[in-house]
Amino acid sequence: MDILSEAFRWLNDPLNWTGRRGVLELASAHLLVSAAAVGLALLVALPAGLWLGHRRRGATVGVVVANTTRALPTLALLTLLAASGWFGNVATAIACAVFAVPPILANAVTGVGGVDDDVRDAARGLGMSGARVLWSVEMPLATPLIAAGIRTGAVQVLATVPLAALVGGTSLGTIVVTGFATQRYGQALAGGILVAGLCLAVEGLLALAERGVAPRGLRALDRAAAADSRAAARTSAPRRRRAPVAAPPATGSNGAASNGAAPAP
């Protein structure tokens, strides 16, 4: 509890939020490095994923090769880059970009490759070329999955960028590393809370953006499917039958129960 109270005291101190190496400055640097890493990953993974998904050949091999990069720890990659003379935020952006490629590539391949064959045939029957089918038909239908892959990669990058502090970079991880170095574990916990809060905030914003970029037709289909599933669940639920209620016994004029027999003389 002492560490937790120390973390809240550190967060409530306004001097820790402003000025050089304050929370606001480190958070802006954190976001810039993350945006650079996601941008590099998009430059590599998105064109490759669209091309592999459109061709429908070699997609599995490409995804498997990209997923092998997940076996390489980001810290080890940062160490290799530092040994080669790459330090700071540049090395962090490169290492995190490698980490963000697999989800973006896999979702792009799955989204484009999962377009129905009848839709493709109809587009080709209208005289569309392969490139036009990709840009006008396949990409709009694959937009929700592509956006989900970008969201996953972005959140992973945000959670990994704090390692920049280990190679001379600046991010919210600087608060954590400084706290451990000075044995102020409450400060380290406060840095972890800030990183988690930033990841959750960006996750929520990207979820809203993912819903906004989805085509209206797909959103209408999703709403109709959800309504149908709710209706099916209501109709399939067993109805409770009421237990029969016994009629109260009839009473005579003298308050005794009447059983249909004539009273004795």
C-alpha atoms as a PDB file:
ATOM      1  CA  MET A   1       0.000   0.000   0.000  1.00  0.00           C
ATOM      2  CA  ASP A   2       2.932   2.377   0.623  1.00  0.00           C
ATOM      3  CA  ILE A   3       4.054   2.042  -2.990  1.00  0.00           C
ATOM      4  CA  LEU A   4       0.514   2.608  -4.240  1.00  0.00           C
ATOM      5  CA  SER A   5       0.042   5.734  -2.133  1.00  0.00           C
ATOM      6  CA  GLU A   6       3.447   6.982  -3.245  1.00  0.00           C
ATOM      7  CA  ALA A   7       2.421   6.467  -6.873  1.00  0.00           C
ATOM      8  CA  PHE A   8      -0.754   8.512  -6.380  1.00  0.00           C
ATOM      9  CA  ARG A   9       1.205  11.242  -4.632  1.00  0.00           C
ATOM     10  CA  TRP A  10       3.596  11.356  -7.569  1.00  0.00           C
ATOM     11  CA  LEU A  11       0.716  11.590 -10.030  1.00  0.00           C
ATOM     12  CA  ASN A  12      -0.945  14.358  -8.024  1.00  0.00           C
ATOM     13  CA  ASP A  13       2.182  16.505  -8.010  1.00  0.00           C
ATOM     14  CA  PRO A  14       1.762  19.155 -10.768  1.00  0.00           C
ATOM     15  CA  LEU A  15       5.532  19.617 -11.023  1.00  0.00           C
ATOM     16  CA  ASN A  16       5.806  16.096 -12.454  1.00  0.00           C
ATOM     17  CA  TRP A  17       3.456  16.956 -15.317  1.00  0.00           C
ATOM     18  CA  THR A  18       5.045  20.115 -16.702  1.00  0.00           C
ATOM     19  CA  GLY A  19       8.515  21.247 -17.625  1.00  0.00           C
ATOM     20  CA  ARG A  20      11.373  19.304 -19.103  1.00  0.00           C
ATOM     21  CA  ARG A  21      10.956  15.544 -18.778  1.00  0.00           C
ATOM     22  CA  GLY A  22       7.460  16.058 -17.479  1.00  0.00           C
ATOM     23  CA  VAL A  23       4.566  13.731 -18.175  1.00  0.00           C
ATOM     24  CA  LEU A  24       3.174  15.882 -20.985  1.00  0.00           C
ATOM     25  CA  GLU A  25       6.511  16.135 -22.797  1.00  0.00           C
ATOM     26  CA  LEU A  26       7.239  12.433 -22.395  1.00  0.00           C
ATOM     27  CA  ALA A  27       3.718  11.487 -23.502  1.00  0.00           C
ATOM     28  CA  SER A  28       4.053  13.571 -26.686  1.00  0.00           C
ATOM     29  CA  ALA A  29       7.416  11.933 -27.438  1.00  0.00           C
ATOM     30  CA  HIS A  30       5.826   8.543 -26.732  1.00  0.00           C
ATOM     31  CA  LEU A  31       3.047   9.223 -29.226  1.00  0.00           C
ATOM     32  CA  LEU A  32       5.453  10.519 -31.887  1.00  0.00           C
ATOM     33  CA  VAL A  33       7.673   7.440 -31.698  1.00  0.00           C
ATOM     34  CA  SER A  34       4.602   5.191 -31.785  1.00  0.00           C
ATOM     35  CA  ALA A  35       3.182   7.003 -34.815  1.00  0.00           C
ATOM     36  CA  ALA A  36       6.521   6.691 -36.628  1.00  0.00           C
ATOM     37  CA  ALA A  37       6.690   2.958 -35.875  1.00  0.00           C
ATOM     38  CA  VAL A  38       3.115   2.326 -37.034  1.00  0.00           C
ATOM     39  CA  GLY A  39       3.751   4.393 -40.170  1.00  0.00           C
ATOM     40  CA  LEU A  40       6.824   2.316 -41.042  1.00  0.00           C
ATOM     41  CA  ALA A  41       4.880  -0.892 -40.438  1.00  0.00           C
ATOM     42  CA  LEU A  42       2.063   0.318 -42.695  1.00  0.00           C
ATOM     43  CA  LEU A  43       4.485   1.134 -45.501  1.00  0.00           C
ATOM     44  CA  VAL A  44       5.731  -2.448 -45.463  1.00  0.00           C
ATOM     45  CA  ALA A  45       2.788  -4.583 -44.333  1.00  0.00           C
ATOM     46  CA  LEU A  46      -0.234  -2.970 -45.975  1.00  0.00           C
ATOM     47  CA  PRO A  47       0.878  -3.111 -49.645  1.00  0.00           C
ATOM     48  CA  ALA A  48       2.231  -6.627 -49.151  1.00  0.00           C
ATOM     49  CA  GLY A  49      -0.975  -7.783 -47.455  1.00  0.00           C
ATOM     50  CA  LEU A  50      -3.217  -6.293 -50.139  1.00  0.00           C
ATOM     51  CA  TRP A  51      -1.158  -7.854 -52.915  1.00  0.00           C
ATOM     52  CA  LEU A  52      -1.002 -11.302 -51.286  1.00  0.00           C
ATOM     53  CA  GLY A  53      -4.701 -11.269 -50.436  1.00  0.00           C
ATOM     54  CA  HIS A  54      -5.646 -10.226 -53.961  1.00  0.00           C
ATOM     55  CA  ARG A  55      -3.501 -12.910 -55.579  1.00  0.00           C
ATOM     56  CA  ARG A  56      -4.582 -15.600 -53.098  1.00  0.00           C
ATOM     57  CA  ARG A  57      -1.282 -17.327 -53.660  1.00  0.00           C
ATOM     58  CA  GLY A  58       1.576 -17.268 -51.198  1.00  0.00           C
ATOM     59  CA  ALA A  59      -0.543 -15.551 -48.548  1.00  0.00           C
ATOM     60  CA  THR A  60       0.002 -18.271 -45.954  1.00  0.00           C
ATOM     61  CA  VAL A  61       3.759 -18.267 -46.471  1.00  0.00           C
ATOM     62  CA  GLY A  62       3.900 -14.492 -46.198  1.00  0.00           C
ATOM     63  CA  VAL A  63       1.928 -14.431 -42.951  1.00  0.00           C
ATOM     64  CA  VAL A  64       4.029 -17.226 -41.448  1.00  0.00           C
ATOM     65  CA  VAL A  65       7.262 -15.429 -42.350  1.00  0.00           C
ATOM     66  CA  ALA A  66       5.948 -12.198 -40.832  1.00  0.00           C
ATOM     67  CA  ASN A  67       4.861 -13.976 -37.663  1.00  0.00           C
ATOM     68  CA  THR A  68       8.369 -15.324 -37.137  1.00  0.00           C
ATOM     69  CA  THR A  69       9.404 -11.788 -36.184  1.00  0.00           C
ATOM     70  CA  ARG A  70       7.270 -12.158 -33.050  1.00  0.00           C
ATOM     71  CA  ALA A  71       9.721 -14.754 -31.800  1.00  0.00           C
ATOM     72  CA  LEU A  72      12.414 -12.050 -31.661  1.00  0.00           C
ATOM     73  CA  PRO A  73      12.062 -10.042 -28.435  1.00  0.00           C
ATOM     74  CA  THR A  74      11.909  -6.315 -28.982  1.00  0.00           C
ATOM     75  CA  LEU A  75      14.486  -5.733 -26.269  1.00  0.00           C
ATOM     76  CA  ALA A  76      16.911  -8.061 -28.054  1.00  0.00           C
ATOM     77  CA  LEU A  77      16.329  -6.196 -31.311  1.00  0.00           C
ATOM     78  CA  LEU A  78      16.931  -2.881 -29.539  1.00  0.00           C
ATOM     79  CA  THR A  79      20.183  -4.291 -28.148  1.00  0.00           C
ATOM     80  CA  LEU A  80      21.301  -5.352 -31.630  1.00  0.00           C
ATOM     81  CA  LEU A  81      20.490  -1.919 -33.015  1.00  0.00           C
ATOM     82  CA  ALA A  82      22.335  -0.238 -30.165  1.00  0.00           C
ATOM     83  CA  ALA A  83      25.358  -2.433 -30.802  1.00  0.00           C
ATOM     84  CA  SER A  84      25.244  -1.273 -34.437  1.00  0.00           C
ATOM     85  CA  GLY A  85      25.236   2.375 -33.413  1.00  0.00           C
ATOM     86  CA  TRP A  86      21.492   3.033 -33.476  1.00  0.00           C
ATOM     87  CA  PHE A  87      20.297   4.617 -30.272  1.00  0.00           C
ATOM     88  CA  GLY A  88      17.346   6.609 -29.033  1.00  0.00           C
ATOM     89  CA  ASN A  89      13.973   7.024 -30.612  1.00  0.00           C
ATOM     90  CA  VAL A  90      15.096   6.010 -34.109  1.00  0.00           C
ATOM     91  CA  ALA A  91      16.122   2.547 -32.952  1.00  0.00           C
ATOM     92  CA  THR A  92      12.913   2.238 -30.951  1.00  0.00           C
ATOM     93  CA  ALA A  93      10.744   3.166 -33.937  1.00  0.00           C
ATOM     94  CA  ILE A  94      12.489   0.570 -36.138  1.00  0.00           C
ATOM     95  CA  ALA A  95      12.207  -2.208 -33.541  1.00  0.00           C
ATOM     96  CA  CYS A  96       8.549  -1.460 -32.804  1.00  0.00           C
ATOM     97  CA  ALA A  97       7.759  -1.289 -36.528  1.00  0.00           C
ATOM     98  CA  VAL A  98       9.045  -4.837 -36.905  1.00  0.00           C
ATOM     99  CA  PHE A  99       6.786  -5.804 -34.009  1.00  0.00           C
ATOM    100  CA  ALA A 100       3.724  -4.141 -35.620  1.00  0.00           C
ATOM    101  CA  VAL A 101       4.060  -5.762 -39.067  1.00  0.00           C
ATOM    102  CA  PRO A 102       2.490  -9.199 -38.310  1.00  0.00           C
ATOM    103  CA  PRO A 103      -1.010  -8.093 -37.176  1.00  0.00           C
ATOM    104  CA  ILE A 104      -1.332  -5.541 -39.981  1.00  0.00           C
ATOM    105  CA  LEU A 105      -0.145  -7.988 -42.639  1.00  0.00           C
ATOM    106  CA  ALA A 106      -2.269 -10.880 -41.368  1.00  0.00           C
ATOM    107  CA  ASN A 107      -5.473  -8.842 -41.205  1.00  0.00           C
ATOM    108  CA  ALA A 108      -4.912  -7.298 -44.635  1.00  0.00           C
ATOM    109  CA  VAL A 109      -4.374 -10.719 -46.181  1.00  0.00           C
ATOM    110  CA  THR A 110      -7.387 -12.193 -44.383  1.00  0.00           C
ATOM    111  CA  GLY A 111      -9.662  -9.271 -45.208  1.00  0.00           C
ATOM    112  CA  VAL A 112      -8.880  -9.080 -48.919  1.00  0.00           C
ATOM    113  CA  GLY A 113      -8.591 -12.830 -49.375  1.00  0.00           C
ATOM    114  CA  GLY A 114     -11.909 -13.409 -47.629  1.00  0.00           C
ATOM    115  CA  VAL A 115     -13.970 -11.443 -50.144  1.00  0.00           C
ATOM    116  CA  ASP A 116     -16.628 -13.674 -51.671  1.00  0.00           C
ATOM    117  CA  ASP A 117     -15.811 -15.143 -55.092  1.00  0.00           C
ATOM    118  CA  ASP A 118     -19.217 -14.173 -56.439  1.00  0.00           C
ATOM    119  CA  VAL A 119     -18.488 -10.531 -55.668  1.00  0.00           C
ATOM    120  CA  ARG A 120     -15.184 -10.723 -57.517  1.00  0.00           C
ATOM    121  CA  ASP A 121     -16.769 -12.437 -60.503  1.00  0.00           C
ATOM    122  CA  ALA A 122     -19.508  -9.818 -60.634  1.00  0.00           C
ATOM    123  CA  ALA A 123     -16.927  -7.031 -60.619  1.00  0.00           C
ATOM    124  CA  ARG A 124     -14.942  -8.682 -63.404  1.00  0.00           C
ATOM    125  CA  GLY A 125     -18.168  -9.219 -65.325  1.00  0.00           C
ATOM    126  CA  LEU A 126     -18.667  -5.451 -65.278  1.00  0.00           C
ATOM    127  CA  GLY A 127     -15.331  -5.068 -67.029  1.00  0.00           C
ATOM    128  CA  MET A 128     -13.227  -4.032 -64.050  1.00  0.00           C
ATOM    129  CA  SER A 129      -9.503  -4.652 -64.177  1.00  0.00           C
ATOM    130  CA  GLY A 130      -7.670  -6.455 -61.400  1.00  0.00           C
ATOM    131  CA  ALA A 131      -6.410  -3.230 -59.855  1.00  0.00           C
ATOM    132  CA  ARG A 132      -9.864  -1.677 -59.951  1.00  0.00           C
ATOM    133  CA  VAL A 133     -11.401  -4.758 -58.358  1.00  0.00           C
ATOM    134  CA  LEU A 134      -8.841  -4.453 -55.567  1.00  0.00           C
ATOM    135  CA  TRP A 135      -9.372  -0.742 -54.900  1.00  0.00           C
ATOM    136  CA  SER A 136     -13.103  -0.464 -55.591  1.00  0.00           C
ATOM    137  CA  VAL A 137     -14.448  -3.790 -54.330  1.00  0.00           C
ATOM    138  CA  GLU A 138     -12.034  -5.764 -52.186  1.00  0.00           C
ATOM    139  CA  MET A 139     -10.515  -2.981 -50.121  1.00  0.00           C
ATOM    140  CA  PRO A 140     -13.841  -1.461 -49.000  1.00  0.00           C
ATOM    141  CA  LEU A 141     -15.084  -4.882 -47.928  1.00  0.00           C
ATOM    142  CA  ALA A 142     -11.809  -5.613 -46.137  1.00  0.00           C
ATOM    143  CA  THR A 143     -11.674  -2.225 -44.375  1.00  0.00           C
ATOM    144  CA  PRO A 144     -13.001  -3.463 -40.981  1.00  0.00           C
ATOM    145  CA  LEU A 145     -10.373  -6.207 -40.736  1.00  0.00           C
ATOM    146  CA  ILE A 146      -7.586  -3.923 -41.945  1.00  0.00           C
ATOM    147  CA  ALA A 147      -8.571  -1.296 -39.393  1.00  0.00           C
ATOM    148  CA  ALA A 148      -8.629  -3.940 -36.665  1.00  0.00           C
ATOM    149  CA  GLY A 149      -5.104  -5.013 -37.588  1.00  0.00           C
ATOM    150  CA  ILE A 150      -3.881  -1.423 -37.465  1.00  0.00           C
ATOM    151  CA  ARG A 151      -5.520  -0.954 -34.069  1.00  0.00           C
ATOM    152  CA  THR A 152      -3.889  -4.105 -32.713  1.00  0.00           C
ATOM    153  CA  GLY A 153      -0.470  -3.127 -34.030  1.00  0.00           C
ATOM    154  CA  ALA A 154      -0.771   0.425 -32.717  1.00  0.00           C
ATOM    155  CA  VAL A 155      -1.675  -0.685 -29.188  1.00  0.00           C
ATOM    156  CA  GLN A 156       1.172  -3.208 -29.179  1.00  0.00           C
ATOM    157  CA  VAL A 157       3.578  -0.477 -30.236  1.00  0.00           C
ATOM    158  CA  LEU A 158       2.309   1.890 -27.544  1.00  0.00           C
ATOM    159  CA  ALA A 159       2.914  -0.778 -24.921  1.00  0.00           C
ATOM    160  CA  THR A 160       6.431  -1.507 -26.253  1.00  0.00           C
ATOM    161  CA  VAL A 161       7.757   2.028 -26.794  1.00  0.00           C
ATOM    162  CA  PRO A 162       8.602   2.440 -23.058  1.00  0.00           C
ATOM    163  CA  LEU A 163      11.632   0.250 -23.779  1.00  0.00           C
ATOM    164  CA  ALA A 164      13.097   3.285 -25.555  1.00  0.00           C
ATOM    165  CA  ALA A 165      14.343   4.511 -22.193  1.00  0.00           C
ATOM    166  CA  LEU A 166      16.791   1.590 -22.088  1.00  0.00           C
ATOM    167  CA  VAL A 167      18.591   2.750 -25.246  1.00  0.00           C
ATOM    168  CA  GLY A 168      18.620   6.480 -24.636  1.00  0.00           C
ATOM    169  CA  GLY A 169      15.178   7.303 -25.998  1.00  0.00           C
ATOM    170  CA  THR A 170      12.440   9.395 -24.438  1.00  0.00           C
ATOM    171  CA  SER A 171       8.987   8.080 -23.637  1.00  0.00           C
ATOM    172  CA  LEU A 172       6.807   7.403 -20.645  1.00  0.00           C
ATOM    173  CA  GLY A 173       9.133   4.508 -19.975  1.00  0.00           C
ATOM    174  CA  THR A 174      11.661   7.103 -18.786  1.00  0.00           C
ATOM    175  CA  ILE A 175       9.529   7.551 -15.656  1.00  0.00           C
ATOM    176  CA  VAL A 176       9.603   3.817 -14.987  1.00  0.00           C
ATOM    177  CA  VAL A 177      13.348   3.427 -15.585  1.00  0.00           C
ATOM    178  CA  THR A 178      14.167   6.480 -13.487  1.00  0.00           C
ATOM    179  CA  GLY A 179      11.984   5.195 -10.671  1.00  0.00           C
ATOM    180  CA  PHE A 180      13.758   1.839 -10.584  1.00  0.00           C
ATOM    181  CA  ALA A 181      17.185   3.490 -10.866  1.00  0.00           C
ATOM    182  CA  THR A 182      16.505   5.745  -7.884  1.00  0.00           C
ATOM    183  CA  GLN A 183      14.584   3.058  -5.975  1.00  0.00           C
ATOM    184  CA  ARG A 184      11.420   5.154  -6.054  1.00  0.00           C
ATOM    185  CA  TYR A 185       9.092   2.318  -6.815  1.00  0.00           C
ATOM    186  CA  GLY A 186       6.014   4.474  -6.466  1.00  0.00           C
ATOM    187  CA  GLN A 187       7.274   6.584  -9.365  1.00  0.00           C
ATOM    188  CA  ALA A 188       7.871   3.416 -11.398  1.00  0.00           C
ATOM    189  CA  LEU A 189       4.310   2.288 -10.670  1.00  0.00           C
ATOM    190  CA  ALA A 190       3.009   5.721 -11.655  1.00  0.00           C
ATOM    191  CA  GLY A 191       4.811   5.415 -14.980  1.00  0.00           C
ATOM    192  CA  GLY A 192       3.216   2.035 -15.580  1.00  0.00           C
ATOM    193  CA  ILE A 193      -0.224   3.471 -14.793  1.00  0.00           C
ATOM    194  CA  LEU A 194       0.371   6.278 -17.299  1.00  0.00           C
ATOM    195  CA  VAL A 195       1.413   3.831 -20.022  1.00  0.00           C
ATOM    196  CA  ALA A 196      -1.643   1.645 -19.379  1.00  0.00           C
ATOM    197  CA  GLY A 197      -3.947   4.658 -19.416  1.00  0.00           C
ATOM    198  CA  LEU A 198      -2.483   5.902 -22.693  1.00  0.00           C
ATOM    199  CA  CYS A 199      -2.926   2.475 -24.283  1.00  0.00           C
ATOM    200  CA  LEU A 200      -6.553   2.290 -23.175  1.00  0.00           C
ATOM    201  CA  ALA A 201      -7.295   5.808 -24.438  1.00  0.00           C
ATOM    202  CA  VAL A 202      -5.760   5.146 -27.849  1.00  0.00           C
ATOM    203  CA  GLU A 203      -7.518   1.777 -28.022  1.00  0.00           C
ATOM    204  CA  GLY A 204     -10.865   3.474 -27.485  1.00  0.00           C
ATOM    205  CA  LEU A 205     -10.200   6.181 -30.077  1.00  0.00           C
ATOM    206  CA  LEU A 206      -9.067   3.649 -32.665  1.00  0.00           C
ATOM    207  CA  ALA A 207     -12.126   1.491 -31.970  1.00  0.00           C
ATOM    208  CA  LEU A 208     -14.340   4.494 -32.745  1.00  0.00           C
ATOM    209  CA  ALA A 209     -12.321   5.222 -35.881  1.00  0.00           C
ATOM    210  CA  GLU A 210     -12.616   1.580 -36.940  1.00  0.00           C
ATOM    211  CA  ARG A 211     -16.376   1.782 -36.656  1.00  0.00           C
ATOM    212  CA  GLY A 212     -16.423   5.058 -38.571  1.00  0.00           C
ATOM    213  CA  VAL A 213     -14.376   3.884 -41.572  1.00  0.00           C
ATOM    214  CA  ALA A 214     -16.481   0.761 -42.099  1.00  0.00           C
ATOM    215  CA  PRO A 215     -18.746   1.068 -45.162  1.00  0.00           C
ATOM    216  CA  ARG A 216     -22.374   1.862 -44.426  1.00  0.00           C
ATOM    217  CA  GLY A 217     -23.550  -1.317 -46.107  1.00  0.00           C
ATOM    218  CA  LEU A 218     -21.417  -3.484 -43.830  1.00  0.00           C
ATOM    219  CA  ARG A 219     -22.607  -1.612 -40.761  1.00  0.00           C
ATOM    220  CA  ALA A 220     -26.212  -2.105 -41.860  1.00  0.00           C
ATOM    221  CA  LEU A 221     -25.561  -5.818 -42.365  1.00  0.00           C
ATOM    222  CA  ASP A 222     -23.973  -6.084 -38.920  1.00  0.00           C
ATOM    223  CA  ARG A 223     -26.949  -4.373 -37.306  1.00  0.00           C
ATOM    224  CA  ALA A 224     -29.386  -6.627 -39.175  1.00  0.00           C
ATOM    225  CA  ALA A 225     -27.419  -9.744 -38.179  1.00  0.00           C
ATOM    226  CA  ALA A 226     -27.381  -8.614 -34.544  1.00  0.00           C
ATOM    227  CA  ALA A 227     -31.130  -7.981 -34.634  1.00  0.00           C
ATOM    228  CA  ASP A 228     -31.756 -11.411 -36.192  1.00  0.00           C
ATOM    229  CA  SER A 229     -29.634 -13.130 -33.570  1.00  0.00           C
ATOM    230  CA  ARG A 230     -31.494 -11.384 -30.757  1.00  0.00           C
ATOM    231  CA  ALA A 231     -34.837 -12.308 -32.309  1.00  0.00           C
ATOM    232  CA  ALA A 232     -33.736 -15.919 -32.716  1.00  0.00           C
ATOM    233  CA  ALA A 233     -32.570 -16.016 -29.113  1.00  0.00           C
ATOM    234  CA  ARG A 234     -35.936 -14.723 -27.924  1.00  0.00           C
ATOM    235  CA  THR A 235     -37.926 -17.216 -29.984  1.00  0.00           C
ATOM    236  CA  SER A 236     -35.753 -20.186 -29.043  1.00  0.00           C
ATOM    237  CA  ALA A 237     -35.874 -19.457 -25.324  1.00  0.00           C
ATOM    238  CA  PRO A 238     -38.239 -21.900 -23.594  1.00  0.00           C
ATOM    239  CA  ARG A 239     -41.392 -20.306 -22.270  1.00  0.00           C
ATOM    240  CA  ARG A 240     -42.256 -20.869 -18.676  1.00  0.00           C
ATOM    241  CA  ARG A 241     -45.639 -22.517 -18.200  1.00  0.00           C
ATOM    242  CA  ARG A 242     -47.698 -21.417 -15.284  1.00  0.00           C
ATOM    243  CA  ALA A 243     -48.624 -24.089 -12.783  1.00  0.00           C
ATOM    244  CA  PRO A 244     -52.384 -24.744 -12.584  1.00  0.00           C
ATOM    245  CA  VAL A 245     -53.992 -23.048  -9.632  1.00  0.00           C
ATOM    246  CA  ALA A 246     -56.516 -25.157  -7.706  1.00  0.00           C
ATOM    247  CA  ALA A 247     -59.914 -23.589  -7.270  1.00  0.00           C
ATOM    248  CA  PRO A 248     -60.767 -22.775  -3.661  1.00  0.00           C
ATOM    249  CA  PRO A 249     -63.384 -25.096  -2.095  1.00  0.00           C
ATOM    250  CA  ALA A 250     -66.919 -23.766  -2.059  1.00  0.00           C
ATOM    251  CA  THR A 251     -68.290 -22.993   1.325  1.00  0.00           C
ATOM    252  CA  GLY A 252     -71.815 -23.239   2.508  1.00  0.00           C
ATOM    253  CA  SER A 253     -73.892 -20.677   4.270  1.00  0.00           C
ATOM    254  CA  ASN A 254     -72.628 -21.843   7.649  1.00  0.00           C
ATOM    255  CA  GLY A 255     -68.955 -21.587   6.559  1.00  0.00           C
ATOM    256  CA  ALA A 256     -68.454 -25.367   6.175  1.00  0.00           C
ATOM    257  CA  ALA A 257     -66.965 -26.756   2.983  1.00  0.00           C
ATOM    258  CA  SER A 258     -69.543 -27.984   0.518  1.00  0.00           C
ATOM    259  CA  ASN A 259     -68.829 -31.339  -1.163  1.00  0.00           C
ATOM    260  CA  GLY A 260     -72.017 -31.614  -3.134  1.00  0.00           C
ATOM    261  CA  ALA A 261     -73.787 -33.870  -0.572  1.00  0.00           C
ATOM    262  CA  ALA A 262     -77.097 -32.881   0.921  1.00  0.00           C
ATOM    263  CA  PRO A 263     -76.965 -31.870   4.555  1.00  0.00           C
ATOM    264  CA  ALA A 264     -78.214 -34.400   7.106  1.00  0.00           C
ATOM    265  CA  PRO A 265     -81.748 -33.761   8.430  1.00  0.00           C
END
